[in-house]
């Protein structure tokens, strides 16, 4: 059979676009097939109300790796990153803290809570910055198959050990970071509970049901540092036009080498002929033949919905079924008639612009209550949240004088106890707005429209399995050579010619682009070695 394409990619999320662009750059004929009318997956911009556009899921460019941005010339293809002012966090008593990119300024803020902890902050940062390059280096690696007895796999493992020899002298520090709770880790430097709550906030954004005292939660303290700084790609920020601008730039980048993107026609089946993936069948009835197939869909969708389970080894199918991760974060996008005003910010008379990013999570106990409520099958009555006033930097996202405020918040379990999300969604919105109103009085009255995406909605609308923003828990037993499944962490599958490039694979979720990059590297390597049949 003559192939229509060298590669067909299932799903135009950002990793699928990254993978496709790298392959097209090397001369492959690539087609990406997306079930929705909008590309980007969770990295998308959509109209939420007439004239109002929002980044409906992922909300800022914090992790997208500069190497990918530069390799694919995204800044030359329309991506513009807007720098945000310092992050603002108010407290119920009217106090506040500003978190700056400048460590000295942040230390000065911490000194208002504890001079001793402020003195420790540079030491804490230095420790994490010593380890961050090691985590970053592992991120770009293809995990070896430690179970295989094949000479090639043994050689790959030995080469990884050699390249990672610098890790050895930091092995104890890395072990602590990967196994300790965030609370115990932070207590090594800080004593003030307010400081610990501020610095431990990152754990709440893990996508999994974790508290500050959960083992392994310390890893999320360093994850925000994995983006390499000081490159021509610039720093972190908010893309002009929303997160969909990243997807659009990737599509334009791949398009200059001939990459095609088809939207609005879901893949209904990955076609396997005589044990090899040979294309995809679309819901429209059309078939696309290809030399290889690459799935950017999550693990379960790929192997439980798009393939006949009888084609898979029993052990592999069982491991797919056991892959853990139920989402606990929800997203609310608000179309506002007026700009929100945070009381603590106005009272502080700070010499910076109005806050763009605001965090609400004022104490350790606040997080613990949210954790306990979700563990009992209920959403938090006082949710923690990160709000982003996108229109403060990018006014074109709303009509003149209007605003878009996005909230990523938690905890809200994928499955509620005793009620459905269809019934509970209005109550979730009410609880969230009540919490927000206590810090920004009058905001509820200015709401023209609220888009509420529960974990169930994140699954239905965006294809995030069980509503998990990272496709599954990023726990130690589901990372590196065990992501997604032990023995299959090299972006390949048990089906010949079927590869994986999504967040279910190493190094996991977040808008990094690395799973797509690494998968493309492995695919091109197999092609060079003549392993495509």
Protein backbone atom coordinates (compact mmCIF):
# COMPACT_ATOMS: atom_id res chain seq x y z
CA UNK A 1 0.00 0.00 0.00
CA UNK A 2 1.30 3.45 -0.91
CA UNK A 3 1.40 5.75 2.10
CA UNK A 4 -0.18 9.19 1.99
CA UNK A 5 2.30 10.41 4.61
CA UNK A 6 5.53 9.47 6.30
CA UNK A 7 3.91 10.20 9.67
CA UNK A 8 0.40 10.86 10.93
CA UNK A 9 0.13 12.38 14.40
CA UNK A 10 -3.00 11.90 16.51
CA UNK A 11 -3.82 15.20 18.22
CA UNK A 12 -2.67 18.79 17.63
CA UNK A 13 -1.81 19.58 21.22
CA UNK A 14 1.46 21.45 21.64
CA UNK A 15 3.56 18.26 21.91
CA UNK A 16 2.07 16.87 18.71
CA UNK A 17 2.83 20.16 16.96
CA UNK A 18 6.40 20.20 18.31
CA UNK A 19 6.99 16.61 17.19
CA UNK A 20 5.48 17.26 13.77
CA UNK A 21 7.49 20.42 13.18
CA UNK A 22 10.79 18.69 14.00
CA UNK A 23 9.94 15.79 11.68
CA UNK A 24 8.84 18.09 8.86
CA UNK A 25 12.06 20.07 9.26
CA UNK A 26 13.93 16.88 8.37
CA UNK A 27 11.93 16.40 5.19
CA UNK A 28 9.20 14.04 6.37
CA UNK A 29 5.69 14.41 5.01
CA UNK A 30 3.63 14.94 8.17
CA UNK A 31 -0.08 15.28 8.85
CA UNK A 32 -1.50 16.11 12.29
CA UNK A 33 -5.15 15.19 12.86
CA UNK A 34 -7.09 17.08 15.54
CA UNK A 35 -10.60 16.17 16.69
CA UNK A 36 -11.48 19.74 17.73
CA UNK A 37 -11.87 22.78 15.49
CA UNK A 38 -9.13 24.51 17.52
CA UNK A 39 -5.50 23.38 17.71
CA UNK A 40 -3.36 23.40 20.83
CA UNK A 41 -5.22 21.02 23.12
CA UNK A 42 -4.92 22.48 26.61
CA UNK A 43 -2.70 25.18 25.09
CA UNK A 44 -5.49 26.99 23.25
CA UNK A 45 -7.16 30.39 23.01
CA UNK A 46 -10.91 30.49 22.48
CA UNK A 47 -13.77 32.98 22.58
CA UNK A 48 -15.63 32.51 25.87
CA UNK A 49 -18.19 35.29 25.30
CA UNK A 50 -18.77 37.54 22.29
CA UNK A 51 -15.59 39.60 21.90
CA UNK A 52 -13.83 38.00 24.90
CA UNK A 53 -10.99 35.50 24.35
CA UNK A 54 -9.17 33.47 26.98
CA UNK A 55 -6.50 30.82 27.39
CA UNK A 56 -9.06 28.24 28.37
CA UNK A 57 -6.70 25.85 30.19
CA UNK A 58 -2.92 26.49 30.36
CA UNK A 59 -2.52 30.19 31.08
CA UNK A 60 1.09 31.38 30.84
CA UNK A 61 4.43 30.49 29.31
CA UNK A 62 6.48 29.30 32.26
CA UNK A 63 7.94 25.98 31.13
CA UNK A 64 8.18 26.03 27.31
CA UNK A 65 11.82 25.28 26.67
CA UNK A 66 13.94 27.94 24.92
CA UNK A 67 15.72 25.27 22.85
CA UNK A 68 12.41 24.39 21.18
CA UNK A 69 11.44 28.03 20.75
CA UNK A 70 14.78 28.75 19.04
CA UNK A 71 15.02 25.52 17.00
CA UNK A 72 11.59 26.13 15.52
CA UNK A 73 11.95 29.92 15.33
CA UNK A 74 8.66 30.51 17.17
CA UNK A 75 9.43 34.18 17.79
CA UNK A 76 9.76 34.60 14.02
CA UNK A 77 6.38 32.93 13.52
CA UNK A 78 4.28 35.29 15.60
CA UNK A 79 4.93 34.27 19.20
CA UNK A 80 5.38 37.33 21.43
CA UNK A 81 5.84 36.90 25.17
CA UNK A 82 4.70 39.74 27.44
CA UNK A 83 6.49 40.14 30.75
CA UNK A 84 4.19 40.28 33.76
CA UNK A 85 4.75 42.42 36.88
CA UNK A 86 5.53 40.62 40.15
CA UNK A 87 3.09 38.06 41.47
CA UNK A 88 0.84 39.45 44.20
CA UNK A 89 -0.52 37.41 47.10
CA UNK A 90 -3.00 39.01 49.51
CA UNK A 91 -3.87 37.79 53.00
CA UNK A 92 -7.20 37.87 54.86
CA UNK A 93 -5.90 40.44 57.36
CA UNK A 94 -5.19 42.93 54.56
CA UNK A 95 -1.50 42.11 54.35
CA UNK A 96 0.25 41.01 51.18
CA UNK A 97 3.46 39.78 49.63
CA UNK A 98 5.02 40.40 46.22
CA UNK A 99 7.09 37.67 44.60
CA UNK A 100 9.64 39.11 42.19
CA UNK A 101 11.98 37.57 39.65
CA UNK A 102 14.69 39.44 41.56
CA UNK A 103 15.62 37.26 44.59
CA UNK A 104 16.76 40.25 46.63
CA UNK A 105 13.40 41.95 46.25
CA UNK A 106 11.56 38.77 47.23
CA UNK A 107 13.85 38.35 50.25
CA UNK A 108 12.98 41.90 51.29
CA UNK A 109 9.29 40.96 51.12
CA UNK A 110 9.88 37.85 53.24
CA UNK A 111 11.71 39.95 55.82
CA UNK A 112 8.37 41.54 56.77
CA UNK A 113 7.31 38.10 58.00
CA UNK A 114 10.62 36.82 59.31
CA UNK A 115 14.07 38.45 59.01
CA UNK A 116 15.63 35.08 59.77
CA UNK A 117 13.75 33.37 56.96
CA UNK A 118 14.57 36.22 54.58
CA UNK A 119 18.26 35.59 55.28
CA UNK A 120 17.76 31.91 54.46
CA UNK A 121 15.97 32.58 51.16
CA UNK A 122 19.14 33.11 49.05
CA UNK A 123 20.57 29.87 50.45
CA UNK A 124 17.36 28.01 49.61
CA UNK A 125 17.38 29.37 46.06
CA UNK A 126 21.06 28.52 45.62
CA UNK A 127 20.34 24.93 46.64
CA UNK A 128 17.50 24.56 44.14
CA UNK A 129 19.46 26.31 41.38
CA UNK A 130 22.28 23.85 41.92
CA UNK A 131 19.89 20.96 41.32
CA UNK A 132 17.71 22.47 38.59
CA UNK A 133 20.24 21.92 35.75
CA UNK A 134 20.47 18.26 36.75
CA UNK A 135 16.69 17.84 36.53
CA UNK A 136 16.72 19.76 33.24
CA UNK A 137 19.43 17.50 31.82
CA UNK A 138 17.43 14.37 32.64
CA UNK A 139 14.38 15.94 31.02
CA UNK A 140 16.03 15.78 27.59
CA UNK A 141 17.13 12.17 27.98
CA UNK A 142 15.37 9.17 26.51
CA UNK A 143 14.88 6.83 29.49
CA UNK A 144 16.55 3.44 28.98
CA UNK A 145 14.73 0.15 29.19
CA UNK A 146 16.36 -1.36 32.27
CA UNK A 147 14.48 -4.64 31.88
CA UNK A 148 15.71 -5.37 28.38
CA UNK A 149 18.61 -7.69 27.85
CA UNK A 150 19.25 -6.37 24.35
CA UNK A 151 22.76 -5.09 23.74
CA UNK A 152 21.47 -1.77 22.37
CA UNK A 153 19.40 -1.11 25.51
CA UNK A 154 22.26 -2.05 27.80
CA UNK A 155 24.55 0.30 25.89
CA UNK A 156 21.95 3.09 26.13
CA UNK A 157 21.76 2.62 29.89
CA UNK A 158 25.55 2.74 30.22
CA UNK A 159 25.74 5.89 28.10
CA UNK A 160 23.06 7.53 30.25
CA UNK A 161 25.06 6.71 33.37
CA UNK A 162 28.15 8.22 31.79
CA UNK A 163 26.34 11.41 30.73
CA UNK A 164 24.79 11.64 34.19
CA UNK A 165 27.99 11.08 36.13
CA UNK A 166 27.77 14.63 37.47
CA UNK A 167 24.58 13.66 39.27
CA UNK A 168 26.36 11.29 41.60
CA UNK A 169 27.78 13.94 43.91
CA UNK A 170 24.26 15.38 44.29
CA UNK A 171 22.45 12.07 44.58
CA UNK A 172 21.42 12.57 48.22
CA UNK A 173 20.05 16.04 47.53
CA UNK A 174 18.11 14.74 44.53
CA UNK A 175 16.74 11.83 46.54
CA UNK A 176 15.43 14.24 49.17
CA UNK A 177 13.82 16.44 46.56
CA UNK A 178 12.04 13.49 44.93
CA UNK A 179 10.88 11.76 48.10
CA UNK A 180 10.37 14.36 50.84
CA UNK A 181 7.24 16.38 51.49
CA UNK A 182 7.36 20.05 50.57
CA UNK A 183 6.70 20.96 54.20
CA UNK A 184 9.64 18.93 55.55
CA UNK A 185 11.89 20.20 52.76
CA UNK A 186 11.01 23.86 53.38
CA UNK A 187 11.38 23.46 57.14
CA UNK A 188 15.10 22.89 56.59
CA UNK A 189 15.38 26.59 55.73
CA UNK A 190 12.33 28.36 57.06
CA UNK A 191 10.44 28.55 60.35
CA UNK A 192 7.63 31.04 59.73
CA UNK A 193 4.46 29.19 58.65
CA UNK A 194 3.38 32.07 56.39
CA UNK A 195 6.67 31.90 54.51
CA UNK A 196 6.31 28.13 54.15
CA UNK A 197 2.77 28.56 52.79
CA UNK A 198 3.91 31.17 50.25
CA UNK A 199 6.86 29.13 48.98
CA UNK A 200 4.93 25.85 49.11
CA UNK A 201 2.06 27.13 46.94
CA UNK A 202 3.58 25.46 43.86
CA UNK A 203 2.58 22.04 45.21
CA UNK A 204 -1.09 22.91 44.76
CA UNK A 205 -0.53 23.30 41.01
CA UNK A 206 0.78 19.72 40.62
CA UNK A 207 -2.53 18.57 39.16
CA UNK A 208 -2.67 15.72 41.68
CA UNK A 209 -4.28 15.50 45.10
CA UNK A 210 -1.29 16.47 47.23
CA UNK A 211 -0.88 18.40 50.44
CA UNK A 212 2.27 20.17 51.57
CA UNK A 213 2.90 17.17 53.82
CA UNK A 214 2.50 14.52 51.09
CA UNK A 215 5.68 12.50 50.41
CA UNK A 216 7.21 13.46 47.08
CA UNK A 217 5.57 16.88 46.94
CA UNK A 218 8.95 18.66 47.32
CA UNK A 219 9.64 17.97 43.63
CA UNK A 220 7.12 20.64 42.64
CA UNK A 221 9.16 23.30 44.42
CA UNK A 222 11.88 22.97 41.77
CA UNK A 223 9.70 22.24 38.76
CA UNK A 224 9.08 25.95 38.15
CA UNK A 225 12.84 26.33 37.65
CA UNK A 226 13.30 23.82 34.84
CA UNK A 227 12.99 26.46 32.11
CA UNK A 228 16.48 27.53 31.12
CA UNK A 229 17.02 31.27 31.52
CA UNK A 230 19.30 33.76 29.84
CA UNK A 231 18.69 32.70 26.23
CA UNK A 232 17.59 34.62 23.15
CA UNK A 233 14.13 33.12 23.65
CA UNK A 234 13.63 35.50 26.58
CA UNK A 235 12.02 34.90 29.94
CA UNK A 236 8.67 33.56 31.06
CA UNK A 237 5.49 35.54 30.57
CA UNK A 238 2.07 35.69 28.94
CA UNK A 239 1.81 35.12 25.17
CA UNK A 240 0.12 37.93 23.30
CA UNK A 241 -3.12 36.45 22.02
CA UNK A 242 -3.19 33.80 24.74
CA UNK A 243 -1.67 30.34 24.89
CA UNK A 244 -3.11 29.50 21.51
CA UNK A 245 -0.41 31.76 20.08
CA UNK A 246 2.10 29.03 20.96
CA UNK A 247 0.14 26.44 19.02
CA UNK A 248 -0.31 28.83 16.09
CA UNK A 249 3.41 29.59 15.96
CA UNK A 250 4.23 25.87 16.02
CA UNK A 251 1.77 25.21 13.19
CA UNK A 252 3.29 28.03 11.11
CA UNK A 253 6.79 26.79 11.85
CA UNK A 254 5.98 23.24 10.75
CA UNK A 255 3.95 24.56 7.84
CA UNK A 256 6.96 26.14 6.19
CA UNK A 257 8.34 22.59 5.77
CA UNK A 258 5.03 21.21 4.54
CA UNK A 259 3.46 19.97 7.78
CA UNK A 260 -0.33 19.68 7.43
CA UNK A 261 -2.84 20.13 10.26
CA UNK A 262 -6.39 18.83 9.87
CA UNK A 263 -9.05 19.88 12.38
CA UNK A 264 -12.59 18.85 13.20
CA UNK A 265 -12.27 15.19 12.18
CA UNK A 266 -11.44 12.86 15.08
CA UNK A 267 -9.33 9.75 14.72
CA UNK A 268 -11.60 6.78 15.36
CA UNK A 269 -8.98 4.05 15.02
CA UNK A 270 -5.25 3.54 14.65
CA UNK A 271 -5.03 1.07 11.78
CA UNK A 272 -2.76 -1.92 12.36
CA UNK A 273 -1.87 -4.20 9.45
CA UNK A 274 0.03 -7.43 10.11
CA UNK A 275 1.25 -6.14 13.47
CA UNK A 276 2.33 -2.68 12.28
CA UNK A 277 0.62 0.72 12.51
CA UNK A 278 -0.14 1.78 8.94
CA UNK A 279 -2.37 4.81 9.34
CA UNK A 280 -5.54 6.09 10.94
CA UNK A 281 -9.26 5.90 10.27
CA UNK A 282 -11.19 9.15 10.78
CA UNK A 283 -14.72 9.64 12.07
CA UNK A 284 -15.64 11.08 8.66
CA UNK A 285 -14.89 7.70 7.10
CA UNK A 286 -11.64 8.79 5.46
CA UNK A 287 -8.41 6.82 5.98
CA UNK A 288 -4.92 8.24 6.01
CA UNK A 289 -2.14 5.78 5.23
CA UNK A 290 1.28 6.45 6.71
CA UNK A 291 4.59 4.75 7.30
CA UNK A 292 4.32 5.42 11.03
CA UNK A 293 1.70 6.73 13.47
CA UNK A 294 2.48 8.96 16.46
CA UNK A 295 -0.05 9.44 19.25
CA UNK A 296 -0.15 12.70 21.15
CA UNK A 297 -3.31 11.47 22.88
CA UNK A 298 -3.11 10.22 26.45
CA UNK A 299 -2.17 6.67 27.31
CA UNK A 300 -5.69 5.34 27.84
CA UNK A 301 -7.15 6.96 24.74
CA UNK A 302 -4.35 5.57 22.62
CA UNK A 303 -4.36 2.00 23.86
CA UNK A 304 -7.91 1.49 25.13
CA UNK A 305 -10.01 3.44 22.63
CA UNK A 306 -8.07 3.77 19.39
CA UNK A 307 -6.58 0.28 19.31
CA UNK A 308 -8.00 -3.20 19.64
CA UNK A 309 -6.80 -4.28 23.14
CA UNK A 310 -6.24 -7.79 21.78
CA UNK A 311 -3.24 -6.43 19.87
CA UNK A 312 -1.42 -5.53 23.09
CA UNK A 313 0.67 -7.71 25.38
CA UNK A 314 -1.36 -8.54 28.48
CA UNK A 315 1.25 -7.09 30.84
CA UNK A 316 1.35 -3.80 28.94
CA UNK A 317 -2.46 -3.51 28.82
CA UNK A 318 -2.58 -4.09 32.57
CA UNK A 319 0.03 -1.39 33.21
CA UNK A 320 -1.99 1.07 31.11
CA UNK A 321 -5.06 0.32 33.20
CA UNK A 322 -3.09 0.92 36.41
CA UNK A 323 -1.65 4.29 35.32
CA UNK A 324 -2.81 6.65 38.05
CA UNK A 325 -4.13 10.17 37.97
CA UNK A 326 -7.47 11.82 38.67
CA UNK A 327 -7.56 15.57 38.23
CA UNK A 328 -8.36 17.95 41.09
CA UNK A 329 -7.88 21.36 39.45
CA UNK A 330 -10.59 23.40 37.78
CA UNK A 331 -10.50 26.43 35.50
CA UNK A 332 -12.83 29.43 35.45
CA UNK A 333 -12.61 32.12 32.77
CA UNK A 334 -14.50 35.33 33.49
CA UNK A 335 -15.63 38.03 31.08
CA UNK A 336 -15.71 41.23 33.15
CA UNK A 337 -17.36 44.59 32.66
CA UNK A 338 -14.70 46.29 34.82
CA UNK A 339 -11.21 45.72 36.10
CA UNK A 340 -11.06 43.87 39.43
CA UNK A 341 -9.60 45.77 42.38
CA UNK A 342 -7.85 43.86 45.14
CA UNK A 343 -8.24 45.63 48.48
CA UNK A 344 -4.83 44.64 49.82
CA UNK A 345 -3.13 45.93 46.70
CA UNK A 346 -4.84 49.30 46.83
CA UNK A 347 -4.06 49.71 50.52
CA UNK A 348 -0.40 48.84 50.03
CA UNK A 349 0.15 51.76 47.60
CA UNK A 350 2.81 49.77 45.83
CA UNK A 351 5.01 51.36 43.22
CA UNK A 352 4.13 48.79 40.55
CA UNK A 353 1.29 48.37 38.07
CA UNK A 354 -1.98 46.73 39.05
CA UNK A 355 -1.43 43.00 39.64
CA UNK A 356 -1.71 40.68 36.67
CA UNK A 357 -1.06 37.44 38.56
CA UNK A 358 -2.67 37.04 41.98
CA UNK A 359 -2.45 33.97 44.21
CA UNK A 360 -4.88 33.12 47.00
CA UNK A 361 -3.72 30.47 49.47
CA UNK A 362 -2.91 32.25 52.70
CA UNK A 363 -1.87 29.47 55.07
CA UNK A 364 -0.77 25.88 55.44
CA UNK A 365 -4.11 25.08 57.06
CA UNK A 366 -5.92 26.57 54.06
CA UNK A 367 -4.25 24.05 51.74
CA UNK A 368 -4.78 21.18 54.17
CA UNK A 369 -8.53 21.88 54.36
CA UNK A 370 -8.78 21.84 50.57
CA UNK A 371 -6.84 18.56 50.52
CA UNK A 372 -9.06 16.96 53.15
CA UNK A 373 -12.30 18.09 51.52
CA UNK A 374 -11.24 16.67 48.15
CA UNK A 375 -10.18 13.44 49.80
CA UNK A 376 -13.74 13.10 51.08
CA UNK A 377 -15.19 13.62 47.61
CA UNK A 378 -16.13 17.30 47.92
CA UNK A 379 -14.77 20.46 46.34
CA UNK A 380 -13.15 23.07 48.56
CA UNK A 381 -15.49 25.68 49.99
CA UNK A 382 -12.55 28.08 50.08
CA UNK A 383 -10.47 27.13 47.03
CA UNK A 384 -6.88 28.22 46.55
CA UNK A 385 -6.34 29.84 43.17
CA UNK A 386 -4.06 31.66 40.77
CA UNK A 387 -5.83 34.44 38.91
CA UNK A 388 -4.52 36.09 35.77
CA UNK A 389 -5.85 39.38 34.41
CA UNK A 390 -4.70 38.79 30.85
CA UNK A 391 -6.19 42.04 29.53
CA UNK A 392 -3.95 44.11 31.80
CA UNK A 393 -1.11 43.19 29.42
CA UNK A 394 -3.07 42.26 26.30
CA UNK A 395 -6.16 44.53 26.01
CA UNK A 396 -7.10 43.05 22.62
CA UNK A 397 -8.36 39.92 24.37
CA UNK A 398 -11.58 41.81 25.26
CA UNK A 399 -13.63 44.74 23.95
CA UNK A 400 -12.36 48.23 24.93
CA UNK A 401 -12.66 48.83 28.66
CA UNK A 402 -13.58 45.18 29.38
CA UNK A 403 -11.43 42.45 30.89
CA UNK A 404 -10.74 38.72 31.00
CA UNK A 405 -9.78 37.13 34.32
CA UNK A 406 -8.78 33.46 34.38
CA UNK A 407 -8.57 31.32 37.52
CA UNK A 408 -6.85 27.97 37.96
CA UNK A 409 -8.03 26.62 41.29
CA UNK A 410 -8.54 23.59 43.49
CA UNK A 411 -9.28 21.23 44.89
CA UNK A 412 -12.23 19.72 43.04
CA UNK A 413 -12.16 15.91 42.66
CA UNK A 414 -12.91 14.30 39.33
CA UNK A 415 -15.65 12.26 40.98
CA UNK A 416 -17.84 13.94 43.58
CA UNK A 417 -19.40 11.96 46.38
CA UNK A 418 -23.18 11.80 46.18
CA UNK A 419 -23.75 14.25 43.35
CA UNK A 420 -22.87 14.91 39.73
CA UNK A 421 -20.80 17.78 38.39
CA UNK A 422 -23.80 18.95 36.36
CA UNK A 423 -25.58 19.51 39.65
CA UNK A 424 -22.56 20.84 41.56
CA UNK A 425 -21.06 23.25 39.03
CA UNK A 426 -23.13 26.30 40.09
CA UNK A 427 -22.11 25.70 43.71
CA UNK A 428 -18.44 25.44 42.72
CA UNK A 429 -18.67 28.77 40.92
CA UNK A 430 -20.45 30.37 43.88
CA UNK A 431 -17.82 29.15 46.37
CA UNK A 432 -14.99 30.37 44.17
CA UNK A 433 -16.54 33.80 43.63
CA UNK A 434 -17.28 34.15 47.35
CA UNK A 435 -13.60 33.54 48.08
CA UNK A 436 -12.50 35.92 45.34
CA UNK A 437 -14.98 38.56 46.45
CA UNK A 438 -13.44 38.63 49.92
CA UNK A 439 -10.19 39.87 48.36
CA UNK A 440 -11.61 41.84 45.40
CA UNK A 441 -14.98 43.29 46.52
CA UNK A 442 -17.41 44.01 43.73
CA UNK A 443 -15.96 41.59 41.23
CA UNK A 444 -19.08 39.40 41.16
CA UNK A 445 -21.24 42.33 40.06
CA UNK A 446 -18.92 42.95 37.09
CA UNK A 447 -19.17 39.43 35.65
CA UNK A 448 -20.77 39.25 32.22
CA UNK A 449 -20.09 35.55 31.73
CA UNK A 450 -18.33 32.69 33.52
CA UNK A 451 -16.91 29.65 31.76
CA UNK A 452 -16.46 26.88 34.34
CA UNK A 453 -14.37 23.83 33.46
CA UNK A 454 -14.49 21.11 36.11
CA UNK A 455 -12.12 18.13 35.90
CA UNK A 456 -14.95 16.31 34.12
CA UNK A 457 -15.15 19.15 31.59
CA UNK A 458 -11.39 19.14 31.11
CA UNK A 459 -11.68 15.50 30.11
CA UNK A 460 -14.70 15.94 27.86
CA UNK A 461 -13.65 19.16 26.15
CA UNK A 462 -9.86 18.84 26.03
CA UNK A 463 -9.32 15.09 26.25
CA UNK A 464 -7.39 15.28 29.53
CA UNK A 465 -7.78 11.81 31.07
CA UNK A 466 -9.85 11.96 34.27
CA UNK A 467 -9.39 15.74 34.06
CA UNK A 468 -5.70 15.51 35.01
CA UNK A 469 -3.78 18.43 33.53
CA UNK A 470 -0.60 16.32 33.25
CA UNK A 471 -2.28 13.16 31.84
CA UNK A 472 -1.52 11.40 35.13
CA UNK A 473 0.25 11.75 38.46
CA UNK A 474 3.85 12.90 38.22
CA UNK A 475 4.91 10.69 41.10
CA UNK A 476 8.26 8.95 41.46
CA UNK A 477 6.81 5.59 40.39
CA UNK A 478 5.35 7.19 37.24
CA UNK A 479 8.36 9.17 36.10
CA UNK A 480 11.44 8.73 33.91
CA UNK A 481 11.88 5.07 32.90
CA UNK A 482 8.46 4.22 34.38
CA UNK A 483 6.53 6.83 32.37
CA UNK A 484 4.20 5.78 30.97
CA UNK A 485 4.95 2.09 31.46
CA UNK A 486 8.10 0.28 32.52
CA UNK A 487 9.84 -1.00 29.42
CA UNK A 488 8.08 1.50 27.13
CA UNK A 489 9.51 4.85 28.19
CA UNK A 490 11.42 5.35 24.93
CA UNK A 491 8.44 6.91 23.09
CA UNK A 492 7.78 3.58 21.37
CA UNK A 493 4.91 1.17 21.91
CA UNK A 494 4.38 -2.60 21.65
CA UNK A 495 2.95 -2.02 18.16
CA UNK A 496 5.60 -1.64 15.44
CA UNK A 497 5.46 1.78 13.84
CA UNK A 498 3.37 3.32 16.65
CA UNK A 499 5.10 6.01 18.70
CA UNK A 500 3.97 8.26 21.57
CA UNK A 501 4.76 11.95 22.05
CA UNK A 502 2.29 13.33 24.62
CA UNK A 503 2.35 14.25 28.30
CA UNK A 504 1.79 10.62 29.33
CA UNK A 505 5.46 10.18 28.43
CA UNK A 506 8.70 11.45 29.97
CA UNK A 507 9.12 14.12 31.29
CA UNK A 508 5.38 14.51 31.85
CA UNK A 509 2.89 17.34 31.66
CA UNK A 510 3.08 21.10 31.46
CA UNK A 511 3.67 23.21 28.37
CA UNK A 512 7.33 22.22 27.97
CA UNK A 513 7.31 20.73 24.47
CA UNK A 514 9.92 18.20 25.59
CA UNK A 515 7.92 14.96 25.08
CA UNK A 516 7.30 16.05 21.47
CA UNK A 517 10.95 16.99 20.98
CA UNK A 518 12.31 13.76 22.43
CA UNK A 519 9.85 11.59 20.51
CA UNK A 520 10.87 13.26 17.23
CA UNK A 521 14.53 12.60 18.01
CA UNK A 522 13.85 8.89 18.60
CA UNK A 523 11.68 8.60 15.49
CA UNK A 524 14.34 10.20 13.31
CA UNK A 525 16.95 7.92 14.86
CA UNK A 526 14.90 4.83 14.01
CA UNK A 527 14.46 6.10 10.46
CA UNK A 528 18.19 6.63 10.09
CA UNK A 529 18.87 3.11 11.37
CA UNK A 530 16.43 1.68 8.83
CA UNK A 531 13.98 0.46 11.47
CA UNK A 532 10.92 1.73 9.62
CA UNK A 533 9.38 -1.13 7.73
